[in-house]
Amino acid sequence: MNFITANDNARIFYKDWGPRDAQPLVFHHGWPLTADEWDNQLLFFLAHGYRVIAHDRRGHGRSSQADNGNEMDTYAADVAALVAALDLKGAVHIGHSTGGGEAAHYAACAKPGTVAKLILVGAVPPVMVKKASNPGGLPIDLFDGFRKELAENRSQFYLNLASGPFYGFNREGAKVSQGLIQNWWRQGMVGSAKAHYDCIKAFSETDFSEDLKKIQVPTLVMHGTDDQVVPFADSAPLSAKLLAKGVIKAYDGYPHGMAETNADVINADMLAFIRN
């Protein structure tokens, strides 16, 4: 397996497929998942001639279960270490949910020439939690509840999320995929309970507003209007307004996990944006 060593000696697992001289696409996964979340997209873009790279965030999947650094500054530093180790230039960074926050935080301070474009999919920016500057956000009690459920019975908590709101399988008439549910649970349970617990604060309370203002590359903001995890109204439209070159694309009725439930549509739109 492929690993790079982060600044604090944590080992970060990554996949790196495709021609080394092709344009690199770097994928950032959501909480509490792994690089495997992107397998559909990795195979799709590989078939279109791109170099595809996806890593397991520290504390997730096959990366080190470090008990520290489970916050956005370190996540972004880990990405920078990966980019440097692989000598990536002109890359498109694609982040889902928490991975969208990580990708934005990295892109805002990335070295010139390393990031060509950015794609945010059901992403957590600008900020999820409700506060004076974000009155439309979600109450802190919700995230405290996440922490409580994770600590009490992580396995059941993850099963409930995957079976319900993440993919919209709790909606009437939804076409439920047992495979997606089991794969989500599998990825979550491989990671560190402490890292996942800490990451709830990272994805819910980090304010990415200043990061978004700094990003100067073309950015596609993709979001489902029936996202039950990161509600559309308080995320995608607000992010697009803060971005210098942001374009928003809303998907009527699509869920948080739309890159998997509606991969054919999402992949085609990503490809069109990357090629444009």
C-alpha atoms as a PDB file:
ATOM      1  CA  MET A   1       0.000   0.000   0.000  1.00  0.00           C
ATOM      2  CA  ASN A   2       1.065   3.603  -0.613  1.00  0.00           C
ATOM      3  CA  PHE A   3       1.759   5.924   2.330  1.00  0.00           C
ATOM      4  CA  ILE A   4       3.342   9.317   2.839  1.00  0.00           C
ATOM      5  CA  THR A   5       4.614  10.555   6.187  1.00  0.00           C
ATOM      6  CA  ALA A   6       3.030  13.742   7.527  1.00  0.00           C
ATOM      7  CA  ASN A   7       4.883  16.449   9.454  1.00  0.00           C
ATOM      8  CA  ASP A   8       4.179  14.749  12.798  1.00  0.00           C
ATOM      9  CA  ASN A   9       5.092  11.291  11.442  1.00  0.00           C
ATOM     10  CA  ALA A  10       1.485  10.166  10.966  1.00  0.00           C
ATOM     11  CA  ARG A  11       1.195   7.832   7.984  1.00  0.00           C
ATOM     12  CA  ILE A  12      -1.335   8.880   5.341  1.00  0.00           C
ATOM     13  CA  PHE A  13      -2.606   6.191   2.968  1.00  0.00           C
ATOM     14  CA  TYR A  14      -3.349   7.119  -0.642  1.00  0.00           C
ATOM     15  CA  LYS A  15      -4.370   5.637  -3.994  1.00  0.00           C
ATOM     16  CA  ASP A  16      -2.608   6.898  -7.102  1.00  0.00           C
ATOM     17  CA  TRP A  17      -3.856   5.484 -10.398  1.00  0.00           C
ATOM     18  CA  GLY A  18      -3.247   6.469 -13.996  1.00  0.00           C
ATOM     19  CA  PRO A  19      -0.568   8.088 -16.189  1.00  0.00           C
ATOM     20  CA  ARG A  20       1.923  10.173 -14.222  1.00  0.00           C
ATOM     21  CA  ASP A  21       1.970  12.819 -16.968  1.00  0.00           C
ATOM     22  CA  ALA A  22      -1.827  13.210 -17.031  1.00  0.00           C
ATOM     23  CA  GLN A  23      -3.676  15.994 -15.204  1.00  0.00           C
ATOM     24  CA  PRO A  24      -4.093  14.938 -11.565  1.00  0.00           C
ATOM     25  CA  LEU A  25      -7.465  14.884  -9.836  1.00  0.00           C
ATOM     26  CA  VAL A  26      -7.287  14.777  -6.040  1.00  0.00           C
ATOM     27  CA  PHE A  27     -10.332  13.496  -4.144  1.00  0.00           C
ATOM     28  CA  HIS A  28     -11.144  14.362  -0.511  1.00  0.00           C
ATOM     29  CA  HIS A  29     -13.634  12.057   1.228  1.00  0.00           C
ATOM     30  CA  GLY A  30     -16.399  12.823   3.702  1.00  0.00           C
ATOM     31  CA  TRP A  31     -16.713  11.929   7.390  1.00  0.00           C
ATOM     32  CA  PRO A  32     -16.262   9.199   8.629  1.00  0.00           C
ATOM     33  CA  LEU A  33     -15.355   7.505   5.365  1.00  0.00           C
ATOM     34  CA  THR A  34     -12.209   6.728   3.344  1.00  0.00           C
ATOM     35  CA  ALA A  35     -10.794   7.128  -0.146  1.00  0.00           C
ATOM     36  CA  ASP A  36     -13.037   4.207  -1.094  1.00  0.00           C
ATOM     37  CA  GLU A  37     -15.997   6.594  -1.088  1.00  0.00           C
ATOM     38  CA  TRP A  38     -14.699   7.833  -4.446  1.00  0.00           C
ATOM     39  CA  ASP A  39     -14.124   4.471  -6.166  1.00  0.00           C
ATOM     40  CA  ASN A  40     -16.829   5.103  -8.761  1.00  0.00           C
ATOM     41  CA  GLN A  41     -15.307   8.466  -9.684  1.00  0.00           C
ATOM     42  CA  LEU A  42     -11.742   7.138  -9.608  1.00  0.00           C
ATOM     43  CA  LEU A  43     -12.576   4.458 -12.166  1.00  0.00           C
ATOM     44  CA  PHE A  44     -14.635   6.886 -14.277  1.00  0.00           C
ATOM     45  CA  PHE A  45     -11.903   9.521 -14.551  1.00  0.00           C
ATOM     46  CA  LEU A  46      -9.175   6.931 -14.932  1.00  0.00           C
ATOM     47  CA  ALA A  47     -11.048   5.674 -17.999  1.00  0.00           C
ATOM     48  CA  HIS A  48     -11.015   9.248 -19.338  1.00  0.00           C
ATOM     49  CA  GLY A  49      -7.238   9.472 -19.130  1.00  0.00           C
ATOM     50  CA  TYR A  50      -6.741  11.342 -15.854  1.00  0.00           C
ATOM     51  CA  ARG A  51      -4.397  10.577 -12.986  1.00  0.00           C
ATOM     52  CA  VAL A  52      -6.620  10.021  -9.946  1.00  0.00           C
ATOM     53  CA  ILE A  53      -5.488  10.313  -6.340  1.00  0.00           C
ATOM     54  CA  ALA A  54      -7.460   9.808  -3.135  1.00  0.00           C
ATOM     55  CA  HIS A  55      -6.198   9.611   0.431  1.00  0.00           C
ATOM     56  CA  ASP A  56      -7.575   8.443   3.754  1.00  0.00           C
ATOM     57  CA  ARG A  57      -7.678  11.416   6.118  1.00  0.00           C
ATOM     58  CA  ARG A  58      -5.677  10.882   9.309  1.00  0.00           C
ATOM     59  CA  GLY A  59      -7.711   8.820  11.773  1.00  0.00           C
ATOM     60  CA  HIS A  60      -9.768   7.399   8.912  1.00  0.00           C
ATOM     61  CA  GLY A  61      -9.409   4.148   6.994  1.00  0.00           C
ATOM     62  CA  ARG A  62      -5.857   2.918   6.548  1.00  0.00           C
ATOM     63  CA  SER A  63      -4.103   6.075   7.750  1.00  0.00           C
ATOM     64  CA  SER A  64      -2.595   6.406  11.222  1.00  0.00           C
ATOM     65  CA  GLN A  65      -5.084   6.547  14.080  1.00  0.00           C
ATOM     66  CA  ALA A  66      -3.355   9.579  15.537  1.00  0.00           C
ATOM     67  CA  ASP A  67      -4.962  11.016  18.655  1.00  0.00           C
ATOM     68  CA  ASN A  68      -3.991  14.542  17.635  1.00  0.00           C
ATOM     69  CA  GLY A  69      -4.322  16.732  14.569  1.00  0.00           C
ATOM     70  CA  ASN A  70      -7.962  15.913  13.958  1.00  0.00           C
ATOM     71  CA  GLU A  71      -8.784  19.442  12.819  1.00  0.00           C
ATOM     72  CA  MET A  72      -8.732  21.380   9.559  1.00  0.00           C
ATOM     73  CA  ASP A  73      -5.296  22.971   9.805  1.00  0.00           C
ATOM     74  CA  THR A  74      -3.623  19.585  10.158  1.00  0.00           C
ATOM     75  CA  TYR A  75      -5.882  17.976   7.560  1.00  0.00           C
ATOM     76  CA  ALA A  76      -4.817  20.664   5.067  1.00  0.00           C
ATOM     77  CA  ALA A  77      -1.159  20.248   6.040  1.00  0.00           C
ATOM     78  CA  ASP A  78      -1.470  16.500   5.373  1.00  0.00           C
ATOM     79  CA  VAL A  79      -2.864  17.262   1.907  1.00  0.00           C
ATOM     80  CA  ALA A  80       0.008  19.670   1.260  1.00  0.00           C
ATOM     81  CA  ALA A  81       2.467  16.946   2.268  1.00  0.00           C
ATOM     82  CA  LEU A  82       0.793  14.511  -0.141  1.00  0.00           C
ATOM     83  CA  VAL A  83       0.836  17.051  -2.983  1.00  0.00           C
ATOM     84  CA  ALA A  84       4.522  17.765  -2.356  1.00  0.00           C
ATOM     85  CA  ALA A  85       5.467  14.085  -2.126  1.00  0.00           C
ATOM     86  CA  LEU A  86       3.761  13.337  -5.441  1.00  0.00           C
ATOM     87  CA  ASP A  87       4.912  16.639  -7.019  1.00  0.00           C
ATOM     88  CA  LEU A  88       1.394  17.460  -8.207  1.00  0.00           C
ATOM     89  CA  LYS A  89       0.873  20.544 -10.345  1.00  0.00           C
ATOM     90  CA  GLY A  90      -2.266  21.929 -11.956  1.00  0.00           C
ATOM     91  CA  ALA A  91      -4.493  19.533 -10.015  1.00  0.00           C
ATOM     92  CA  VAL A  92      -8.256  19.628  -9.681  1.00  0.00           C
ATOM     93  CA  HIS A  93      -9.262  19.093  -6.051  1.00  0.00           C
ATOM     94  CA  ILE A  94     -12.660  17.497  -5.459  1.00  0.00           C
ATOM     95  CA  GLY A  95     -14.128  17.346  -1.965  1.00  0.00           C
ATOM     96  CA  HIS A  96     -17.341  15.893  -0.575  1.00  0.00           C
ATOM     97  CA  SER A  97     -18.909  17.050   2.695  1.00  0.00           C
ATOM     98  CA  THR A  98     -16.086  17.301   5.281  1.00  0.00           C
ATOM     99  CA  GLY A  99     -13.692  16.685   2.404  1.00  0.00           C
ATOM    100  CA  GLY A 100     -15.061  19.820   0.760  1.00  0.00           C
ATOM    101  CA  GLY A 101     -14.032  21.813   3.809  1.00  0.00           C
ATOM    102  CA  GLU A 102     -10.616  20.175   3.779  1.00  0.00           C
ATOM    103  CA  ALA A 103     -10.165  20.880   0.052  1.00  0.00           C
ATOM    104  CA  ALA A 104     -11.212  24.521   0.454  1.00  0.00           C
ATOM    105  CA  HIS A 105      -8.939  25.025   3.466  1.00  0.00           C
ATOM    106  CA  TYR A 106      -6.036  23.545   1.518  1.00  0.00           C
ATOM    107  CA  ALA A 107      -6.758  25.445  -1.716  1.00  0.00           C
ATOM    108  CA  ALA A 108      -6.893  28.763   0.126  1.00  0.00           C
ATOM    109  CA  CYS A 109      -3.231  28.475   1.116  1.00  0.00           C
ATOM    110  CA  ALA A 110      -1.849  26.161  -1.570  1.00  0.00           C
ATOM    111  CA  LYS A 111       1.365  26.984  -3.396  1.00  0.00           C
ATOM    112  CA  PRO A 112       0.809  28.773  -6.735  1.00  0.00           C
ATOM    113  CA  GLY A 113       0.389  26.394  -9.638  1.00  0.00           C
ATOM    114  CA  THR A 114      -0.643  23.390  -7.576  1.00  0.00           C
ATOM    115  CA  VAL A 115      -4.421  23.892  -7.808  1.00  0.00           C
ATOM    116  CA  ALA A 116      -6.116  24.497 -11.165  1.00  0.00           C
ATOM    117  CA  LYS A 117      -9.761  24.079 -10.164  1.00  0.00           C
ATOM    118  CA  LEU A 118     -11.892  23.104  -7.193  1.00  0.00           C
ATOM    119  CA  ILE A 119     -15.119  21.101  -6.972  1.00  0.00           C
ATOM    120  CA  LEU A 120     -17.220  21.081  -3.790  1.00  0.00           C
ATOM    121  CA  VAL A 121     -19.866  18.351  -3.533  1.00  0.00           C
ATOM    122  CA  GLY A 122     -22.448  18.602  -0.740  1.00  0.00           C
ATOM    123  CA  ALA A 123     -19.692  20.423   1.120  1.00  0.00           C
ATOM    124  CA  VAL A 124     -19.765  21.816   4.668  1.00  0.00           C
ATOM    125  CA  PRO A 125     -18.559  25.401   3.893  1.00  0.00           C
ATOM    126  CA  PRO A 126     -19.083  28.164   4.728  1.00  0.00           C
ATOM    127  CA  VAL A 127     -19.982  26.913   8.264  1.00  0.00           C
ATOM    128  CA  MET A 128     -22.526  24.408   9.536  1.00  0.00           C
ATOM    129  CA  VAL A 129     -23.242  25.359  13.149  1.00  0.00           C
ATOM    130  CA  LYS A 130     -25.766  28.032  14.059  1.00  0.00           C
ATOM    131  CA  LYS A 131     -24.291  31.178  15.573  1.00  0.00           C
ATOM    132  CA  ALA A 132     -24.779  34.936  15.462  1.00  0.00           C
ATOM    133  CA  SER A 133     -22.996  35.242  12.120  1.00  0.00           C
ATOM    134  CA  ASN A 134     -24.751  32.157  10.734  1.00  0.00           C
ATOM    135  CA  PRO A 135     -28.383  32.285  11.920  1.00  0.00           C
ATOM    136  CA  GLY A 136     -29.505  29.683   9.390  1.00  0.00           C
ATOM    137  CA  GLY A 137     -27.098  27.046  10.674  1.00  0.00           C
ATOM    138  CA  LEU A 138     -27.785  23.846  12.550  1.00  0.00           C
ATOM    139  CA  PRO A 139     -27.980  23.908  16.373  1.00  0.00           C
ATOM    140  CA  ILE A 140     -24.955  22.737  18.355  1.00  0.00           C
ATOM    141  CA  ASP A 141     -27.266  20.284  20.133  1.00  0.00           C
ATOM    142  CA  LEU A 142     -27.459  18.280  16.898  1.00  0.00           C
ATOM    143  CA  PHE A 143     -23.695  17.799  16.798  1.00  0.00           C
ATOM    144  CA  ASP A 144     -23.586  17.080  20.528  1.00  0.00           C
ATOM    145  CA  GLY A 145     -26.094  14.347  19.757  1.00  0.00           C
ATOM    146  CA  PHE A 146     -23.781  12.957  17.083  1.00  0.00           C
ATOM    147  CA  ARG A 147     -20.975  12.783  19.636  1.00  0.00           C
ATOM    148  CA  LYS A 148     -23.212  11.083  22.193  1.00  0.00           C
ATOM    149  CA  GLU A 149     -24.425   8.451  19.722  1.00  0.00           C
ATOM    150  CA  LEU A 150     -20.907   7.788  18.453  1.00  0.00           C
ATOM    151  CA  ALA A 151     -19.581   7.281  21.975  1.00  0.00           C
ATOM    152  CA  GLU A 152     -22.463   5.030  23.025  1.00  0.00           C
ATOM    153  CA  ASN A 153     -22.796   2.775  19.965  1.00  0.00           C
ATOM    154  CA  ARG A 154     -20.752   3.874  16.974  1.00  0.00           C
ATOM    155  CA  SER A 155     -21.649   0.831  14.897  1.00  0.00           C
ATOM    156  CA  GLN A 156     -25.405   1.381  15.172  1.00  0.00           C
ATOM    157  CA  PHE A 157     -25.041   5.140  14.715  1.00  0.00           C
ATOM    158  CA  TYR A 158     -23.204   4.631  11.444  1.00  0.00           C
ATOM    159  CA  LEU A 159     -25.687   2.054  10.253  1.00  0.00           C
ATOM    160  CA  ASN A 160     -28.555   4.454  10.971  1.00  0.00           C
ATOM    161  CA  LEU A 161     -26.901   7.305   9.062  1.00  0.00           C
ATOM    162  CA  ALA A 162     -26.170   5.200   6.003  1.00  0.00           C
ATOM    163  CA  SER A 163     -29.624   3.602   6.020  1.00  0.00           C
ATOM    164  CA  GLY A 164     -31.386   6.943   6.354  1.00  0.00           C
ATOM    165  CA  PRO A 165     -30.470  10.572   5.697  1.00  0.00           C
ATOM    166  CA  PHE A 166     -27.030  10.197   4.079  1.00  0.00           C
ATOM    167  CA  TYR A 167     -28.375   8.633   0.874  1.00  0.00           C
ATOM    168  CA  GLY A 168     -31.977   9.745   1.314  1.00  0.00           C
ATOM    169  CA  PHE A 169     -33.063   6.142   1.864  1.00  0.00           C
ATOM    170  CA  ASN A 170     -35.530   7.401   4.492  1.00  0.00           C
ATOM    171  CA  ARG A 171     -37.554   9.170   1.792  1.00  0.00           C
ATOM    172  CA  GLU A 172     -40.742   7.594   0.481  1.00  0.00           C
ATOM    173  CA  GLY A 173     -40.114   5.746  -2.764  1.00  0.00           C
ATOM    174  CA  ALA A 174     -36.328   5.754  -2.385  1.00  0.00           C
ATOM    175  CA  LYS A 175     -34.473   2.947  -4.153  1.00  0.00           C
ATOM    176  CA  VAL A 176     -32.466   1.512  -1.279  1.00  0.00           C
ATOM    177  CA  SER A 177     -29.051  -0.007  -1.988  1.00  0.00           C
ATOM    178  CA  GLN A 178     -27.949  -2.434   0.700  1.00  0.00           C
ATOM    179  CA  GLY A 179     -24.510  -2.446  -0.877  1.00  0.00           C
ATOM    180  CA  LEU A 180     -24.067   1.299  -0.359  1.00  0.00           C
ATOM    181  CA  ILE A 181     -25.234   0.992   3.243  1.00  0.00           C
ATOM    182  CA  GLN A 182     -22.846  -1.848   4.031  1.00  0.00           C
ATOM    183  CA  ASN A 183     -19.923  -0.144   2.285  1.00  0.00           C
ATOM    184  CA  TRP A 184     -20.538   3.104   4.198  1.00  0.00           C
ATOM    185  CA  TRP A 185     -20.630   1.213   7.504  1.00  0.00           C
ATOM    186  CA  ARG A 186     -17.515  -0.775   6.567  1.00  0.00           C
ATOM    187  CA  GLN A 187     -15.516   2.366   5.813  1.00  0.00           C
ATOM    188  CA  GLY A 188     -16.630   4.098   8.980  1.00  0.00           C
ATOM    189  CA  MET A 189     -15.825   1.230  11.305  1.00  0.00           C
ATOM    190  CA  VAL A 190     -12.250   0.905  10.000  1.00  0.00           C
ATOM    191  CA  GLY A 191     -11.354   4.339  11.332  1.00  0.00           C
ATOM    192  CA  SER A 192     -10.559   5.643  14.801  1.00  0.00           C
ATOM    193  CA  ALA A 193     -13.488   6.381  17.111  1.00  0.00           C
ATOM    194  CA  LYS A 194     -11.544   9.255  18.691  1.00  0.00           C
ATOM    195  CA  ALA A 195     -10.584  10.803  15.363  1.00  0.00           C
ATOM    196  CA  HIS A 196     -14.177  10.570  14.174  1.00  0.00           C
ATOM    197  CA  TYR A 197     -15.400  12.080  17.452  1.00  0.00           C
ATOM    198  CA  ASP A 198     -12.942  14.979  17.140  1.00  0.00           C
ATOM    199  CA  CYS A 199     -13.791  15.481  13.479  1.00  0.00           C
ATOM    200  CA  ILE A 200     -17.412  16.306  14.315  1.00  0.00           C
ATOM    201  CA  LYS A 201     -16.170  19.596  15.767  1.00  0.00           C
ATOM    202  CA  ALA A 202     -13.901  20.132  12.762  1.00  0.00           C
ATOM    203  CA  PHE A 203     -16.643  19.766  10.163  1.00  0.00           C
ATOM    204  CA  SER A 204     -19.429  21.488  12.089  1.00  0.00           C
ATOM    205  CA  GLU A 205     -17.727  24.445  13.769  1.00  0.00           C
ATOM    206  CA  THR A 206     -14.933  25.453  11.378  1.00  0.00           C
ATOM    207  CA  ASP A 207     -15.791  28.668   9.546  1.00  0.00           C
ATOM    208  CA  PHE A 208     -14.434  28.502   5.989  1.00  0.00           C
ATOM    209  CA  SER A 209     -15.666  31.942   4.939  1.00  0.00           C
ATOM    210  CA  GLU A 210     -12.196  33.512   4.765  1.00  0.00           C
ATOM    211  CA  ASP A 211     -10.836  30.466   2.910  1.00  0.00           C
ATOM    212  CA  LEU A 212     -13.529  30.807   0.267  1.00  0.00           C
ATOM    213  CA  LYS A 213     -12.722  34.490  -0.200  1.00  0.00           C
ATOM    214  CA  LYS A 214      -9.047  33.657  -0.812  1.00  0.00           C
ATOM    215  CA  ILE A 215      -9.660  31.003  -3.475  1.00  0.00           C
ATOM    216  CA  GLN A 216      -9.075  32.423  -6.954  1.00  0.00           C
ATOM    217  CA  VAL A 217      -9.414  29.307  -9.111  1.00  0.00           C
ATOM    218  CA  PRO A 218     -12.663  28.320 -10.878  1.00  0.00           C
ATOM    219  CA  THR A 219     -14.845  26.443  -8.401  1.00  0.00           C
ATOM    220  CA  LEU A 220     -17.932  24.326  -9.033  1.00  0.00           C
ATOM    221  CA  VAL A 221     -20.316  24.073  -6.071  1.00  0.00           C
ATOM    222  CA  MET A 222     -22.543  20.993  -6.509  1.00  0.00           C
ATOM    223  CA  HIS A 223     -25.328  20.355  -3.999  1.00  0.00           C
ATOM    224  CA  GLY A 224     -28.541  18.371  -3.732  1.00  0.00           C
ATOM    225  CA  THR A 225     -31.633  20.281  -2.689  1.00  0.00           C
ATOM    226  CA  ASP A 226     -32.735  17.360  -0.483  1.00  0.00           C
ATOM    227  CA  ASP A 227     -29.431  17.115   1.367  1.00  0.00           C
ATOM    228  CA  GLN A 228     -30.452  16.152   4.909  1.00  0.00           C
ATOM    229  CA  VAL A 229     -26.906  16.266   6.297  1.00  0.00           C
ATOM    230  CA  VAL A 230     -25.628  19.613   4.955  1.00  0.00           C
ATOM    231  CA  PRO A 231     -28.806  21.568   4.152  1.00  0.00           C
ATOM    232  CA  PHE A 232     -28.655  23.300   0.784  1.00  0.00           C
ATOM    233  CA  ALA A 233     -29.852  26.800   1.741  1.00  0.00           C
ATOM    234  CA  ASP A 234     -27.174  27.426   4.351  1.00  0.00           C
ATOM    235  CA  SER A 235     -24.269  26.037   2.355  1.00  0.00           C
ATOM    236  CA  ALA A 236     -24.021  26.031  -1.442  1.00  0.00           C
ATOM    237  CA  PRO A 237     -25.554  29.457  -2.254  1.00  0.00           C
ATOM    238  CA  LEU A 238     -23.553  31.132   0.516  1.00  0.00           C
ATOM    239  CA  SER A 239     -20.296  29.488  -0.597  1.00  0.00           C
ATOM    240  CA  ALA A 240     -20.850  30.489  -4.212  1.00  0.00           C
ATOM    241  CA  LYS A 241     -21.276  34.128  -3.185  1.00  0.00           C
ATOM    242  CA  LEU A 242     -17.953  34.136  -1.334  1.00  0.00           C
ATOM    243  CA  LEU A 243     -15.953  32.550  -4.144  1.00  0.00           C
ATOM    244  CA  ALA A 244     -14.290  34.795  -6.730  1.00  0.00           C
ATOM    245  CA  LYS A 245     -15.010  32.329  -9.532  1.00  0.00           C
ATOM    246  CA  GLY A 246     -17.732  30.181  -8.052  1.00  0.00           C
ATOM    247  CA  VAL A 247     -20.455  28.468 -10.075  1.00  0.00           C
ATOM    248  CA  ILE A 248     -23.332  26.739  -8.310  1.00  0.00           C
ATOM    249  CA  LYS A 249     -25.192  23.722  -9.681  1.00  0.00           C
ATOM    250  CA  ALA A 250     -28.215  22.537  -7.701  1.00  0.00           C
ATOM    251  CA  TYR A 251     -29.670  19.043  -8.089  1.00  0.00           C
ATOM    252  CA  ASP A 252     -33.382  18.855  -7.408  1.00  0.00           C
ATOM    253  CA  GLY A 253     -34.184  16.193  -4.823  1.00  0.00           C
ATOM    254  CA  TYR A 254     -30.679  14.712  -4.694  1.00  0.00           C
ATOM    255  CA  PRO A 255     -29.339  13.552  -1.292  1.00  0.00           C
ATOM    256  CA  HIS A 256     -26.068  14.189   0.519  1.00  0.00           C
ATOM    257  CA  GLY A 257     -24.501  11.060  -0.973  1.00  0.00           C
ATOM    258  CA  MET A 258     -25.498  11.983  -4.528  1.00  0.00           C
ATOM    259  CA  ALA A 259     -22.042  11.215  -5.956  1.00  0.00           C
ATOM    260  CA  GLU A 260     -22.892   7.568  -5.352  1.00  0.00           C
ATOM    261  CA  THR A 261     -26.679   7.439  -5.755  1.00  0.00           C
ATOM    262  CA  ASN A 262     -26.549   9.591  -8.908  1.00  0.00           C
ATOM    263  CA  ALA A 263     -22.983   8.975 -10.061  1.00  0.00           C
ATOM    264  CA  ASP A 264     -23.794   9.072 -13.783  1.00  0.00           C
ATOM    265  CA  VAL A 265     -25.092  12.655 -13.578  1.00  0.00           C
ATOM    266  CA  ILE A 266     -22.488  13.906 -11.108  1.00  0.00           C
ATOM    267  CA  ASN A 267     -19.558  12.362 -12.988  1.00  0.00           C
ATOM    268  CA  ALA A 268     -20.646  13.839 -16.304  1.00  0.00           C
ATOM    269  CA  ASP A 269     -21.019  17.330 -14.796  1.00  0.00           C
ATOM    270  CA  MET A 270     -17.631  17.097 -13.094  1.00  0.00           C
ATOM    271  CA  LEU A 271     -16.003  16.030 -16.354  1.00  0.00           C
ATOM    272  CA  ALA A 272     -17.582  18.908 -18.261  1.00  0.00           C
ATOM    273  CA  PHE A 273     -16.334  21.430 -15.664  1.00  0.00           C
ATOM    274  CA  ILE A 274     -12.822  19.982 -15.621  1.00  0.00           C
ATOM    275  CA  ARG A 275     -12.582  20.009 -19.421  1.00  0.00           C
ATOM    276  CA  ASN A 276     -14.017  23.497 -19.841  1.00  0.00           C
END
